[in-house]
Amino acid sequence: MFSMQLLHRKVRFTACGFFPLDYTLLYSVRHVGWSVCMFVLLMLWLSKSLAQ
């Protein structure tokens, strides 16, 4: 009976109850990561262009 209850219960992981750890968080982290990477590459490209 206990195992049947576990099968039908939805499991939700949170970060100390502040926000859920799910696919939306992973998507947001990936999106922010790409944005930071592009910003750094752009700054490197501009610094080399201005140095010439």
Protein backbone atom coordinates (compact mmCIF):
# COMPACT_ATOMS: atom_id res chain seq x y z
CA MET A 1 0.00 0.00 0.00
CA PHE A 2 2.81 2.41 0.84
CA SER A 3 4.55 1.72 -2.48
CA MET A 4 1.30 2.45 -4.35
CA GLN A 5 1.05 5.81 -2.57
CA LEU A 6 4.61 6.63 -3.61
CA LEU A 7 3.85 5.78 -7.24
CA HIS A 8 0.91 8.18 -7.39
CA ARG A 9 2.49 11.03 -5.46
CA LYS A 10 4.09 13.79 -7.51
CA VAL A 11 7.68 14.45 -6.42
CA ARG A 12 8.81 18.08 -6.40
CA PHE A 13 12.35 19.18 -5.58
CA THR A 14 12.90 22.71 -4.31
CA ALA A 15 15.86 24.82 -3.25
CA CYS A 16 15.08 25.16 0.47
CA GLY A 17 11.46 25.83 -0.45
CA PHE A 18 12.29 29.03 -2.37
CA PHE A 19 11.83 27.84 -5.96
CA PRO A 20 11.29 24.51 -7.71
CA LEU A 21 14.19 22.71 -9.34
CA ASP A 22 12.69 21.69 -12.67
CA TYR A 23 13.22 22.03 -16.41
CA THR A 24 12.25 25.71 -16.45
CA LEU A 25 15.17 26.46 -14.13
CA LEU A 26 17.56 24.50 -16.36
CA TYR A 27 16.29 26.36 -19.43
CA SER A 28 16.77 29.72 -17.68
CA VAL A 29 20.30 28.83 -16.58
CA ARG A 30 21.17 27.75 -20.12
CA HIS A 31 19.71 30.94 -21.58
CA VAL A 32 21.62 33.16 -19.13
CA GLY A 33 24.80 31.17 -19.75
CA TRP A 34 24.61 31.73 -23.50
CA SER A 35 23.90 35.43 -22.98
CA VAL A 36 26.94 35.84 -20.71
CA CYS A 37 29.12 33.90 -23.16
CA MET A 38 28.04 36.08 -26.09
CA PHE A 39 28.62 39.25 -24.04
CA VAL A 40 32.15 38.17 -23.14
CA LEU A 41 32.95 37.26 -26.74
CA LEU A 42 31.60 40.59 -27.95
CA MET A 43 33.67 42.48 -25.38
CA LEU A 44 36.82 40.59 -26.42
CA TRP A 45 36.13 41.31 -30.08
CA LEU A 46 35.53 45.00 -29.41
CA SER A 47 38.63 45.36 -27.24
CA LYS A 48 40.79 43.86 -30.01
CA SER A 49 39.15 46.12 -32.60
CA LEU A 50 39.76 49.25 -30.53
CA ALA A 51 43.38 48.28 -29.79
CA GLN A 52 44.30 48.30 -33.49
